[in-house]
C-alpha atoms as a PDB file:
ATOM      1  CA  MET A   1     -12.731 -18.061  18.466  1.00  0.00           C
ATOM      2  CA  SER A   2     -15.095 -19.582  15.291  1.00  0.00           C
ATOM      3  CA  LYS A   3     -14.728 -18.287  12.226  1.00  0.00           C
ATOM      4  CA  SER A   4     -17.808 -16.577  12.168  1.00  0.00           C
ATOM      5  CA  ASP A   5     -15.912 -14.214  15.223  1.00  0.00           C
ATOM      6  CA  ASN A   6     -13.454 -13.925  12.908  1.00  0.00           C
ATOM      7  CA  ARG A   7     -15.742 -12.143  10.428  1.00  0.00           C
ATOM      8  CA  ILE A   8     -17.068  -9.627  11.988  1.00  0.00           C
ATOM      9  CA  VAL A   9     -16.336  -5.996  10.762  1.00  0.00           C
ATOM     10  CA  TYR A  10     -16.866  -2.244  11.627  1.00  0.00           C
ATOM     11  CA  PHE A  11     -19.438  -0.519   9.873  1.00  0.00           C
ATOM     12  CA  ASN A  12     -20.803   3.002  10.513  1.00  0.00           C
ATOM     13  CA  GLY A  13     -20.796   2.728  14.047  1.00  0.00           C
ATOM     14  CA  GLU A  14     -21.653  -0.871  14.738  1.00  0.00           C
ATOM     15  CA  TYR A  15     -19.911  -3.957  14.830  1.00  0.00           C
ATOM     16  CA  ALA A  16     -21.607  -6.963  12.580  1.00  0.00           C
ATOM     17  CA  ALA A  17     -21.070  -9.781  10.831  1.00  0.00           C
ATOM     18  CA  LYS A  18     -19.322  -8.778   7.520  1.00  0.00           C
ATOM     19  CA  ASP A  19     -22.617 -10.774   5.132  1.00  0.00           C
ATOM     20  CA  SER A  20     -24.974  -8.967   7.154  1.00  0.00           C
ATOM     21  CA  VAL A  21     -23.254  -5.563   5.568  1.00  0.00           C
ATOM     22  CA  ARG A  22     -25.422  -3.731   3.176  1.00  0.00           C
ATOM     23  CA  LEU A  23     -23.648  -1.008   0.936  1.00  0.00           C
ATOM     24  CA  SER A  24     -26.312   1.554   0.098  1.00  0.00           C
ATOM     25  CA  PRO A  25     -26.897   1.770  -3.612  1.00  0.00           C
ATOM     26  CA  ASP A  26     -26.290   5.709  -3.273  1.00  0.00           C
ATOM     27  CA  ASP A  27     -23.259   5.643  -1.840  1.00  0.00           C
ATOM     28  CA  ARG A  28     -20.775   7.848  -3.369  1.00  0.00           C
ATOM     29  CA  GLY A  29     -17.940   5.327  -2.850  1.00  0.00           C
ATOM     30  CA  PHE A  30     -19.799   3.230  -5.015  1.00  0.00           C
ATOM     31  CA  LEU A  31     -21.136   5.450  -7.401  1.00  0.00           C
ATOM     32  CA  PHE A  32     -17.616   7.481  -8.172  1.00  0.00           C
ATOM     33  CA  GLY A  33     -15.178   6.368  -6.353  1.00  0.00           C
ATOM     34  CA  ASP A  34     -15.152   9.524  -3.888  1.00  0.00           C
ATOM     35  CA  GLY A  35     -13.780   7.754  -1.314  1.00  0.00           C
ATOM     36  CA  VAL A  36     -10.245   7.154   1.057  1.00  0.00           C
ATOM     37  CA  TYR A  37      -8.365   3.820   2.406  1.00  0.00           C
ATOM     38  CA  GLU A  38      -5.698   2.867   4.092  1.00  0.00           C
ATOM     39  CA  VAL A  39      -4.169  -0.106   5.291  1.00  0.00           C
ATOM     40  CA  ILE A  40      -2.427  -1.228   8.481  1.00  0.00           C
ATOM     41  CA  ARG A  41      -0.943  -4.760   9.054  1.00  0.00           C
ATOM     42  CA  THR A  42      -0.016  -6.165  12.707  1.00  0.00           C
ATOM     43  CA  TYR A  43       3.284  -8.344  14.250  1.00  0.00           C
ATOM     44  CA  GLY A  44       2.548 -10.676  17.138  1.00  0.00           C
ATOM     45  CA  GLY A  45      -0.614  -8.711  17.199  1.00  0.00           C
ATOM     46  CA  ALA A  46       0.815  -5.270  17.388  1.00  0.00           C
ATOM     47  CA  LEU A  47      -0.292  -2.574  14.600  1.00  0.00           C
ATOM     48  CA  PHE A  48       3.184  -1.743  12.593  1.00  0.00           C
ATOM     49  CA  LEU A  49       4.081   1.814  12.568  1.00  0.00           C
ATOM     50  CA  PRO A  50       0.001   3.017  12.995  1.00  0.00           C
ATOM     51  CA  ASP A  51       0.616   6.824  13.465  1.00  0.00           C
ATOM     52  CA  ALA A  52       2.464   6.634   9.735  1.00  0.00           C
ATOM     53  CA  HIS A  53      -0.889   5.166   8.669  1.00  0.00           C
ATOM     54  CA  LEU A  54      -3.338   7.102  10.311  1.00  0.00           C
ATOM     55  CA  ASP A  55      -1.284  10.589   9.419  1.00  0.00           C
ATOM     56  CA  ARG A  56      -1.810   9.692   5.629  1.00  0.00           C
ATOM     57  CA  LEU A  57      -5.219   8.600   5.699  1.00  0.00           C
ATOM     58  CA  PHE A  58      -5.938  12.227   7.460  1.00  0.00           C
ATOM     59  CA  ARG A  59      -3.997  13.982   5.166  1.00  0.00           C
ATOM     60  CA  SER A  60      -6.261  11.625   1.905  1.00  0.00           C
ATOM     61  CA  MET A  61      -9.101  13.060   3.699  1.00  0.00           C
ATOM     62  CA  ALA A  62      -8.349  16.558   4.371  1.00  0.00           C
ATOM     63  CA  GLU A  63      -7.299  16.307   0.519  1.00  0.00           C
ATOM     64  CA  LEU A  64     -10.377  15.032  -0.554  1.00  0.00           C
ATOM     65  CA  ALA A  65     -12.509  17.236   1.658  1.00  0.00           C
ATOM     66  CA  ILE A  66     -13.654  14.520   3.919  1.00  0.00           C
ATOM     67  CA  ALA A  67     -15.027  15.279   6.748  1.00  0.00           C
ATOM     68  CA  PRO A  68     -15.282  12.379   8.756  1.00  0.00           C
ATOM     69  CA  ASP A  69     -18.050  12.418  12.408  1.00  0.00           C
ATOM     70  CA  TRP A  70     -15.033  10.698  14.639  1.00  0.00           C
ATOM     71  CA  ASP A  71     -11.311  11.835  15.886  1.00  0.00           C
ATOM     72  CA  ARG A  72      -8.371  10.007  15.243  1.00  0.00           C
ATOM     73  CA  PRO A  73      -8.417   8.668  19.005  1.00  0.00           C
ATOM     74  CA  ASN A  74     -11.981   7.262  18.183  1.00  0.00           C
ATOM     75  CA  LEU A  75     -10.765   5.994  15.125  1.00  0.00           C
ATOM     76  CA  ALA A  76      -7.918   4.593  16.918  1.00  0.00           C
ATOM     77  CA  ASP A  77     -10.049   2.329  19.490  1.00  0.00           C
ATOM     78  CA  ARG A  78     -12.261   0.851  16.887  1.00  0.00           C
ATOM     79  CA  ILE A  79      -9.546  -0.322  14.848  1.00  0.00           C
ATOM     80  CA  ASP A  80      -8.271  -1.685  18.288  1.00  0.00           C
ATOM     81  CA  GLU A  81     -11.676  -3.369  18.764  1.00  0.00           C
ATOM     82  CA  ALA A  82     -11.520  -5.037  15.136  1.00  0.00           C
ATOM     83  CA  VAL A  83      -8.384  -6.736  15.554  1.00  0.00           C
ATOM     84  CA  ARG A  84      -9.065  -7.442  19.006  1.00  0.00           C
ATOM     85  CA  ARG A  85     -12.437  -9.391  17.870  1.00  0.00           C
ATOM     86  CA  ALA A  86     -11.152 -10.768  14.742  1.00  0.00           C
ATOM     87  CA  GLY A  87      -8.379 -12.830  16.458  1.00  0.00           C
ATOM     88  CA  TYR A  88      -5.714 -13.506  14.199  1.00  0.00           C
ATOM     89  CA  PRO A  89      -1.780 -13.891  14.677  1.00  0.00           C
ATOM     90  CA  GLU A  90      -1.256 -11.826  11.919  1.00  0.00           C
ATOM     91  CA  ALA A  91      -3.829  -9.200  10.176  1.00  0.00           C
ATOM     92  CA  LYS A  92      -3.887  -6.417   7.545  1.00  0.00           C
ATOM     93  CA  ILE A  93      -7.115  -4.124   8.296  1.00  0.00           C
ATOM     94  CA  TYR A  94      -8.682  -2.006   5.443  1.00  0.00           C
ATOM     95  CA  VAL A  95      -9.971   1.193   6.656  1.00  0.00           C
ATOM     96  CA  GLN A  96     -12.218   2.502   4.324  1.00  0.00           C
ATOM     97  CA  VAL A  97     -14.068   5.720   4.005  1.00  0.00           C
ATOM     98  CA  THR A  98     -16.500   7.275   1.444  1.00  0.00           C
ATOM     99  CA  ARG A  99     -18.288  10.455   1.349  1.00  0.00           C
ATOM    100  CA  GLY A 100     -21.549   8.769   2.202  1.00  0.00           C
ATOM    101  CA  VAL A 101     -24.950   8.362   1.078  1.00  0.00           C
ATOM    102  CA  ALA A 102     -26.749  11.114  -1.072  1.00  0.00           C
ATOM    103  CA  PRO A 103     -28.258  11.422  -4.466  1.00  0.00           C
ATOM    104  CA  ARG A 104     -26.362  10.901  -7.095  1.00  0.00           C
ATOM    105  CA  GLU A 105     -24.947  14.379  -7.666  1.00  0.00           C
ATOM    106  CA  HIS A 106     -21.582  15.040  -8.585  1.00  0.00           C
ATOM    107  CA  ALA A 107     -21.225  18.695  -5.589  1.00  0.00           C
ATOM    108  CA  PHE A 108     -20.591  17.753  -2.019  1.00  0.00           C
ATOM    109  CA  PRO A 109     -23.296  16.637  -0.076  1.00  0.00           C
ATOM    110  CA  ARG A 110     -23.269  17.414   3.747  1.00  0.00           C
ATOM    111  CA  VAL A 111     -23.993  14.054   4.977  1.00  0.00           C
ATOM    112  CA  PRO A 112     -22.081  11.682   7.600  1.00  0.00           C
ATOM    113  CA  PRO A 113     -19.246   9.572   5.783  1.00  0.00           C
ATOM    114  CA  THR A 114     -19.309   5.614   5.530  1.00  0.00           C
ATOM    115  CA  THR A 115     -16.923   3.838   7.514  1.00  0.00           C
ATOM    116  CA  LEU A 116     -15.806   0.608   7.405  1.00  0.00           C
ATOM    117  CA  ILE A 117     -12.832  -1.399   9.011  1.00  0.00           C
ATOM    118  CA  THR A 118     -12.284  -5.148   7.910  1.00  0.00           C
ATOM    119  CA  VAL A 119      -9.589  -7.175   9.284  1.00  0.00           C
ATOM    120  CA  THR A 120      -8.218 -10.516   7.194  1.00  0.00           C
ATOM    121  CA  GLU A 121      -5.791 -13.100   7.992  1.00  0.00           C
ATOM    122  CA  ILE A 122      -2.494 -11.849   6.070  1.00  0.00           C
ATOM    123  CA  HIS A 123      -0.733 -14.704   4.473  1.00  0.00           C
ATOM    124  CA  PRO A 124       3.231 -13.523   4.402  1.00  0.00           C
ATOM    125  CA  LEU A 125       5.815 -14.181   0.298  1.00  0.00           C
ATOM    126  CA  PRO A 126       6.493 -17.776   0.315  1.00  0.00           C
ATOM    127  CA  ALA A 127      10.221 -17.767   2.126  1.00  0.00           C
ATOM    128  CA  ALA A 128      11.559 -18.905  -1.670  1.00  0.00           C
ATOM    129  CA  GLN A 129       9.988 -16.581  -3.721  1.00  0.00           C
ATOM    130  CA  ARG A 130      11.891 -13.869  -1.355  1.00  0.00           C
ATOM    131  CA  GLU A 131      14.847 -15.744  -1.445  1.00  0.00           C
ATOM    132  CA  ALA A 132      14.268 -15.944  -5.356  1.00  0.00           C
ATOM    133  CA  GLY A 133      13.478 -12.514  -6.052  1.00  0.00           C
ATOM    134  CA  VAL A 134      10.150 -11.700  -8.447  1.00  0.00           C
ATOM    135  CA  ALA A 135       9.327 -10.430 -11.863  1.00  0.00           C
ATOM    136  CA  VAL A 136       7.860  -7.219 -12.905  1.00  0.00           C
ATOM    137  CA  VAL A 137       6.603  -5.675 -16.026  1.00  0.00           C
ATOM    138  CA  THR A 138       6.446  -1.744 -17.148  1.00  0.00           C
ATOM    139  CA  THR A 139       3.407  -0.384 -17.791  1.00  0.00           C
ATOM    140  CA  PRO A 140       1.733   3.137 -19.366  1.00  0.00           C
ATOM    141  CA  ASP A 141       0.781   5.287 -15.822  1.00  0.00           C
ATOM    142  CA  LEU A 142      -2.715   6.178 -17.065  1.00  0.00           C
ATOM    143  CA  ARG A 143      -3.490   7.009 -13.334  1.00  0.00           C
ATOM    144  CA  TRP A 144      -5.392  10.293 -12.784  1.00  0.00           C
ATOM    145  CA  GLY A 145      -2.916  13.166 -11.480  1.00  0.00           C
ATOM    146  CA  ARG A 146      -3.006  12.720  -7.867  1.00  0.00           C
ATOM    147  CA  CYS A 147      -1.772   9.467  -7.076  1.00  0.00           C
ATOM    148  CA  ASP A 148      -0.971  11.021  -3.507  1.00  0.00           C
ATOM    149  CA  ILE A 149      -3.935  10.241  -2.311  1.00  0.00           C
ATOM    150  CA  LYS A 150      -4.629   6.803  -1.646  1.00  0.00           C
ATOM    151  CA  SER A 151      -8.261   7.266  -2.930  1.00  0.00           C
ATOM    152  CA  LEU A 152     -10.595   4.143  -4.137  1.00  0.00           C
ATOM    153  CA  ASN A 153      -9.959   4.744  -7.608  1.00  0.00           C
ATOM    154  CA  LEU A 154      -7.757   1.762  -8.627  1.00  0.00           C
ATOM    155  CA  LEU A 155      -9.292   0.738 -11.966  1.00  0.00           C
ATOM    156  CA  PRO A 156      -5.463   1.684 -13.353  1.00  0.00           C
ATOM    157  CA  ASN A 157      -3.742  -0.645 -10.574  1.00  0.00           C
ATOM    158  CA  VAL A 158      -6.392  -2.924 -11.244  1.00  0.00           C
ATOM    159  CA  LEU A 159      -5.841  -3.110 -14.994  1.00  0.00           C
ATOM    160  CA  ALA A 160      -1.909  -2.862 -14.896  1.00  0.00           C
ATOM    161  CA  ARG A 161      -1.735  -6.026 -11.821  1.00  0.00           C
ATOM    162  CA  GLN A 162      -3.879  -7.767 -14.441  1.00  0.00           C
ATOM    163  CA  ALA A 163      -1.202  -7.264 -17.386  1.00  0.00           C
ATOM    164  CA  ALA A 164       1.647  -8.685 -15.173  1.00  0.00           C
ATOM    165  CA  ALA A 165      -0.725 -11.628 -14.013  1.00  0.00           C
ATOM    166  CA  GLU A 166      -1.346 -12.349 -17.524  1.00  0.00           C
ATOM    167  CA  ALA A 167       2.824 -11.966 -18.462  1.00  0.00           C
ATOM    168  CA  GLY A 168       3.351 -14.465 -14.885  1.00  0.00           C
ATOM    169  CA  ALA A 169       4.718 -11.520 -13.043  1.00  0.00           C
ATOM    170  CA  PHE A 170       4.354 -10.365  -9.381  1.00  0.00           C
ATOM    171  CA  GLU A 171       3.992  -6.520 -10.151  1.00  0.00           C
ATOM    172  CA  ALA A 172       3.651  -3.839 -12.573  1.00  0.00           C
ATOM    173  CA  VAL A 173       5.165  -0.797 -12.324  1.00  0.00           C
ATOM    174  CA  PHE A 174       3.494   2.478 -13.597  1.00  0.00           C
ATOM    175  CA  VAL A 175       6.386   4.613 -16.333  1.00  0.00           C
ATOM    176  CA  GLY A 176       5.128   7.690 -17.705  1.00  0.00           C
ATOM    177  CA  ASP A 177       5.140   9.040 -21.470  1.00  0.00           C
ATOM    178  CA  ASP A 178       8.633  10.571 -20.717  1.00  0.00           C
ATOM    179  CA  GLY A 179       9.948   7.205 -19.633  1.00  0.00           C
ATOM    180  CA  THR A 180       9.549   8.363 -15.802  1.00  0.00           C
ATOM    181  CA  VAL A 181       9.433   5.761 -13.145  1.00  0.00           C
ATOM    182  CA  TRP A 182       7.001   6.263 -10.874  1.00  0.00           C
ATOM    183  CA  GLU A 183       5.706   3.465  -8.974  1.00  0.00           C
ATOM    184  CA  GLY A 184       3.895  -0.137  -8.765  1.00  0.00           C
ATOM    185  CA  ALA A 185       0.603  -1.006  -9.038  1.00  0.00           C
ATOM    186  CA  GLY A 186       0.573  -1.781  -5.272  1.00  0.00           C
ATOM    187  CA  SER A 187       3.962  -0.752  -3.865  1.00  0.00           C
ATOM    188  CA  ASN A 188       7.395   1.414  -4.115  1.00  0.00           C
ATOM    189  CA  VAL A 189       9.992   1.287  -6.439  1.00  0.00           C
ATOM    190  CA  LEU A 190      13.846   1.132  -5.455  1.00  0.00           C
ATOM    191  CA  ALA A 191      16.945   0.645  -6.898  1.00  0.00           C
ATOM    192  CA  VAL A 192      20.394   0.458  -6.006  1.00  0.00           C
ATOM    193  CA  ILE A 193      22.753   2.634  -9.004  1.00  0.00           C
ATOM    194  CA  GLY A 194      26.109   2.513  -8.001  1.00  0.00           C
ATOM    195  CA  GLY A 195      25.985   1.437  -4.605  1.00  0.00           C
ATOM    196  CA  THR A 196      23.471   4.180  -3.917  1.00  0.00           C
ATOM    197  CA  LEU A 197      19.053   3.350  -3.133  1.00  0.00           C
ATOM    198  CA  VAL A 198      17.554   5.731  -5.432  1.00  0.00           C
ATOM    199  CA  THR A 199      13.940   6.296  -5.372  1.00  0.00           C
ATOM    200  CA  PRO A 200      11.068   8.702  -7.426  1.00  0.00           C
ATOM    201  CA  PRO A 201      10.579  12.065  -5.168  1.00  0.00           C
ATOM    202  CA  LEU A 202       7.676  12.129  -3.057  1.00  0.00           C
ATOM    203  CA  GLY A 203       4.575  14.525  -5.477  1.00  0.00           C
ATOM    204  CA  PRO A 204       1.299  13.900  -6.753  1.00  0.00           C
ATOM    205  CA  ARG A 205       2.296  10.595  -8.875  1.00  0.00           C
ATOM    206  CA  ILE A 206       3.399   8.715  -6.080  1.00  0.00           C
ATOM    207  CA  LEU A 207       1.913   7.594  -2.640  1.00  0.00           C
ATOM    208  CA  ALA A 208       3.849   8.234   0.340  1.00  0.00           C
ATOM    209  CA  GLY A 209       4.282   4.521   1.465  1.00  0.00           C
ATOM    210  CA  VAL A 210       5.242   4.134   4.659  1.00  0.00           C
ATOM    211  CA  SER A 211       6.897   0.702   4.147  1.00  0.00           C
ATOM    212  CA  ARG A 212       9.350   2.827   1.029  1.00  0.00           C
ATOM    213  CA  ALA A 213       9.899   5.913   4.255  1.00  0.00           C
ATOM    214  CA  HIS A 214      10.553   2.833   6.941  1.00  0.00           C
ATOM    215  CA  ALA A 215      13.178   0.997   4.345  1.00  0.00           C
ATOM    216  CA  LEU A 216      14.611   4.608   3.732  1.00  0.00           C
ATOM    217  CA  ASP A 217      15.077   5.086   6.962  1.00  0.00           C
ATOM    218  CA  ILE A 218      16.789   1.670   7.907  1.00  0.00           C
ATOM    219  CA  ALA A 219      19.431   2.720   4.764  1.00  0.00           C
ATOM    220  CA  ALA A 220      20.585   5.507   5.941  1.00  0.00           C
ATOM    221  CA  ARG A 221      21.338   3.202   9.567  1.00  0.00           C
ATOM    222  CA  GLU A 222      23.299   0.874   7.400  1.00  0.00           C
ATOM    223  CA  GLY A 223      25.347   3.681   5.907  1.00  0.00           C
ATOM    224  CA  VAL A 224      23.887   3.061   2.075  1.00  0.00           C
ATOM    225  CA  ALA A 225      23.160   6.426   0.103  1.00  0.00           C
ATOM    226  CA  VAL A 226      20.084   7.484  -0.187  1.00  0.00           C
ATOM    227  CA  ALA A 227      18.820   9.690  -3.327  1.00  0.00           C
ATOM    228  CA  GLU A 228      15.600  10.384  -4.311  1.00  0.00           C
ATOM    229  CA  ARG A 229      15.609  11.601  -7.665  1.00  0.00           C
ATOM    230  CA  PRO A 230      13.623  11.046 -10.764  1.00  0.00           C
ATOM    231  CA  LEU A 231      14.872   7.646 -12.049  1.00  0.00           C
ATOM    232  CA  SER A 232      14.042   6.127 -15.888  1.00  0.00           C
ATOM    233  CA  ALA A 233      12.624   3.209 -16.890  1.00  0.00           C
ATOM    234  CA  GLY A 234      16.625   2.580 -18.705  1.00  0.00           C
ATOM    235  CA  GLU A 235      17.979   3.097 -15.252  1.00  0.00           C
ATOM    236  CA  LEU A 236      15.823   1.146 -13.546  1.00  0.00           C
ATOM    237  CA  ARG A 237      16.148  -2.224 -15.859  1.00  0.00           C
ATOM    238  CA  ALA A 238      20.557  -0.727 -15.994  1.00  0.00           C
ATOM    239  CA  ALA A 239      20.330  -0.902 -12.314  1.00  0.00           C
ATOM    240  CA  ASP A 240      22.669  -3.116 -10.416  1.00  0.00           C
ATOM    241  CA  GLU A 241      18.998  -4.227  -8.275  1.00  0.00           C
ATOM    242  CA  VAL A 242      15.711  -2.983  -7.882  1.00  0.00           C
ATOM    243  CA  LEU A 243      13.787  -3.634  -4.863  1.00  0.00           C
ATOM    244  CA  LEU A 244       8.924  -3.055  -4.150  1.00  0.00           C
ATOM    245  CA  THR A 245       8.737  -2.137  -0.780  1.00  0.00           C
ATOM    246  CA  GLY A 246       4.463  -2.258   0.420  1.00  0.00           C
ATOM    247  CA  THR A 247       2.620  -3.010   3.894  1.00  0.00           C
ATOM    248  CA  THR A 248       1.859  -6.791   3.344  1.00  0.00           C
ATOM    249  CA  ILE A 249       5.434  -7.836   0.937  1.00  0.00           C
ATOM    250  CA  GLU A 250       7.281  -5.747   3.436  1.00  0.00           C
ATOM    251  CA  VAL A 251      10.853  -5.821   0.770  1.00  0.00           C
ATOM    252  CA  VAL A 252      10.922  -7.903  -2.162  1.00  0.00           C
ATOM    253  CA  PRO A 253      13.899  -8.205  -4.544  1.00  0.00           C
ATOM    254  CA  VAL A 254      13.371  -7.742  -8.297  1.00  0.00           C
ATOM    255  CA  VAL A 255      15.411 -10.035 -10.230  1.00  0.00           C
ATOM    256  CA  ARG A 256      13.619  -9.698 -14.112  1.00  0.00           C
ATOM    257  CA  ILE A 257      12.307  -6.490 -15.554  1.00  0.00           C
ATOM    258  CA  ASP A 258       9.917  -7.223 -18.344  1.00  0.00           C
ATOM    259  CA  GLY A 259      12.090 -10.812 -19.429  1.00  0.00           C
ATOM    260  CA  GLN A 260      15.138  -9.023 -18.390  1.00  0.00           C
ATOM    261  CA  ALA A 261      17.785  -9.778 -16.086  1.00  0.00           C
ATOM    262  CA  VAL A 262      18.350  -7.451 -13.151  1.00  0.00           C
ATOM    263  CA  GLY A 263      22.051  -7.280 -12.371  1.00  0.00           C
ATOM    264  CA  ASP A 264      23.428 -11.343 -12.248  1.00  0.00           C
ATOM    265  CA  GLY A 265      19.265 -12.022 -11.942  1.00  0.00           C
ATOM    266  CA  THR A 266      19.538 -13.017  -7.970  1.00  0.00           C
ATOM    267  CA  PRO A 267      18.609 -10.362  -5.263  1.00  0.00           C
ATOM    268  CA  GLY A 268      21.273  -8.339  -4.045  1.00  0.00           C
ATOM    269  CA  PRO A 269      23.393  -7.042  -0.897  1.00  0.00           C
ATOM    270  CA  VAL A 270      21.454  -3.864  -0.616  1.00  0.00           C
ATOM    271  CA  THR A 271      18.460  -5.761  -0.947  1.00  0.00           C
ATOM    272  CA  ARG A 272      19.299  -8.479   1.375  1.00  0.00           C
ATOM    273  CA  ARG A 273      20.064  -5.816   4.171  1.00  0.00           C
ATOM    274  CA  LEU A 274      17.386  -4.042   3.591  1.00  0.00           C
ATOM    275  CA  ALA A 275      14.893  -7.427   4.357  1.00  0.00           C
ATOM    276  CA  ALA A 276      16.963  -8.358   7.294  1.00  0.00           C
ATOM    277  CA  ALA A 277      16.911  -5.392   8.661  1.00  0.00           C
ATOM    278  CA  PHE A 278      13.406  -4.474   8.527  1.00  0.00           C
ATOM    279  CA  ARG A 279      12.194  -7.713  10.075  1.00  0.00           C
ATOM    280  CA  PRO A 280      13.642  -7.263  13.561  1.00  0.00           C
ATOM    281  CA  ARG A 281      11.875  -3.944  14.190  1.00  0.00           C
ATOM    282  CA  ARG A 282       8.557  -5.339  13.025  1.00  0.00           C
ATOM    283  CA  GLU A 283       7.053  -5.686  16.489  1.00  0.00           C
ATOM    284  CA  ALA A 284       8.009  -2.345  16.744  1.00  0.00           C
ATOM    285  CA  VAL A 285       4.664   0.155  17.120  1.00  0.00           C
ATOM    286  CA  GLY A 286       3.858   3.989  16.566  1.00  0.00           C
END
């Protein structure tokens, strides 16, 4: 397959070369960030947990009253075709849906949504980085109050990730004014405290991560106690283990927070078990 074939995307009913796609200056995603998105990945060419991802996409659209002009089976077919045309051995798929194109007014227009599906090759984290673990920094939570919606409004996440990059860290973790830990800029956060896997409960301040849910299922199957409860920054720093989960990163051990070692500064046994158990089931779909 040629390089140009790999750059084919789906845009508003057509498959086209990515460079040929033109976004209207009146698109509400561009004007207001008025839209949602979803990220799915493949293993061996097969979509991983697509039902959970599509559930989340349709929930996000419903929360913002975005009515697509396609149904779920139709979208699934378009994603499959986009993956087939891209032909990457391992890929990540972004589905972005905006409210559509209309003159700049805040009230909802009655127009068809804009739909874009892109497929890019995924490059897993280096094995050495997974073995050594990563560093994170904490950052004040400046996001809006509905982080459970996977919206296009990501500027606070961008600023947090930039702060992490400037600090030489892998991720930034949002902490509320009261010291409550919420989630990473692009991941969910979990900690092992006294043998129990602890993670903030679902609610408006965190995204219901598909990989988070998968990791919790694995923990329960592996006999690891699980608690979904509020987690403080102090508890996070004092935890025996800390880990991140996400679609493109799977399970990643955290060994330093704000320059301070987590535990003995190496990935812990529970994190290693979850990471090892996550991989054999990667080819599972649905």
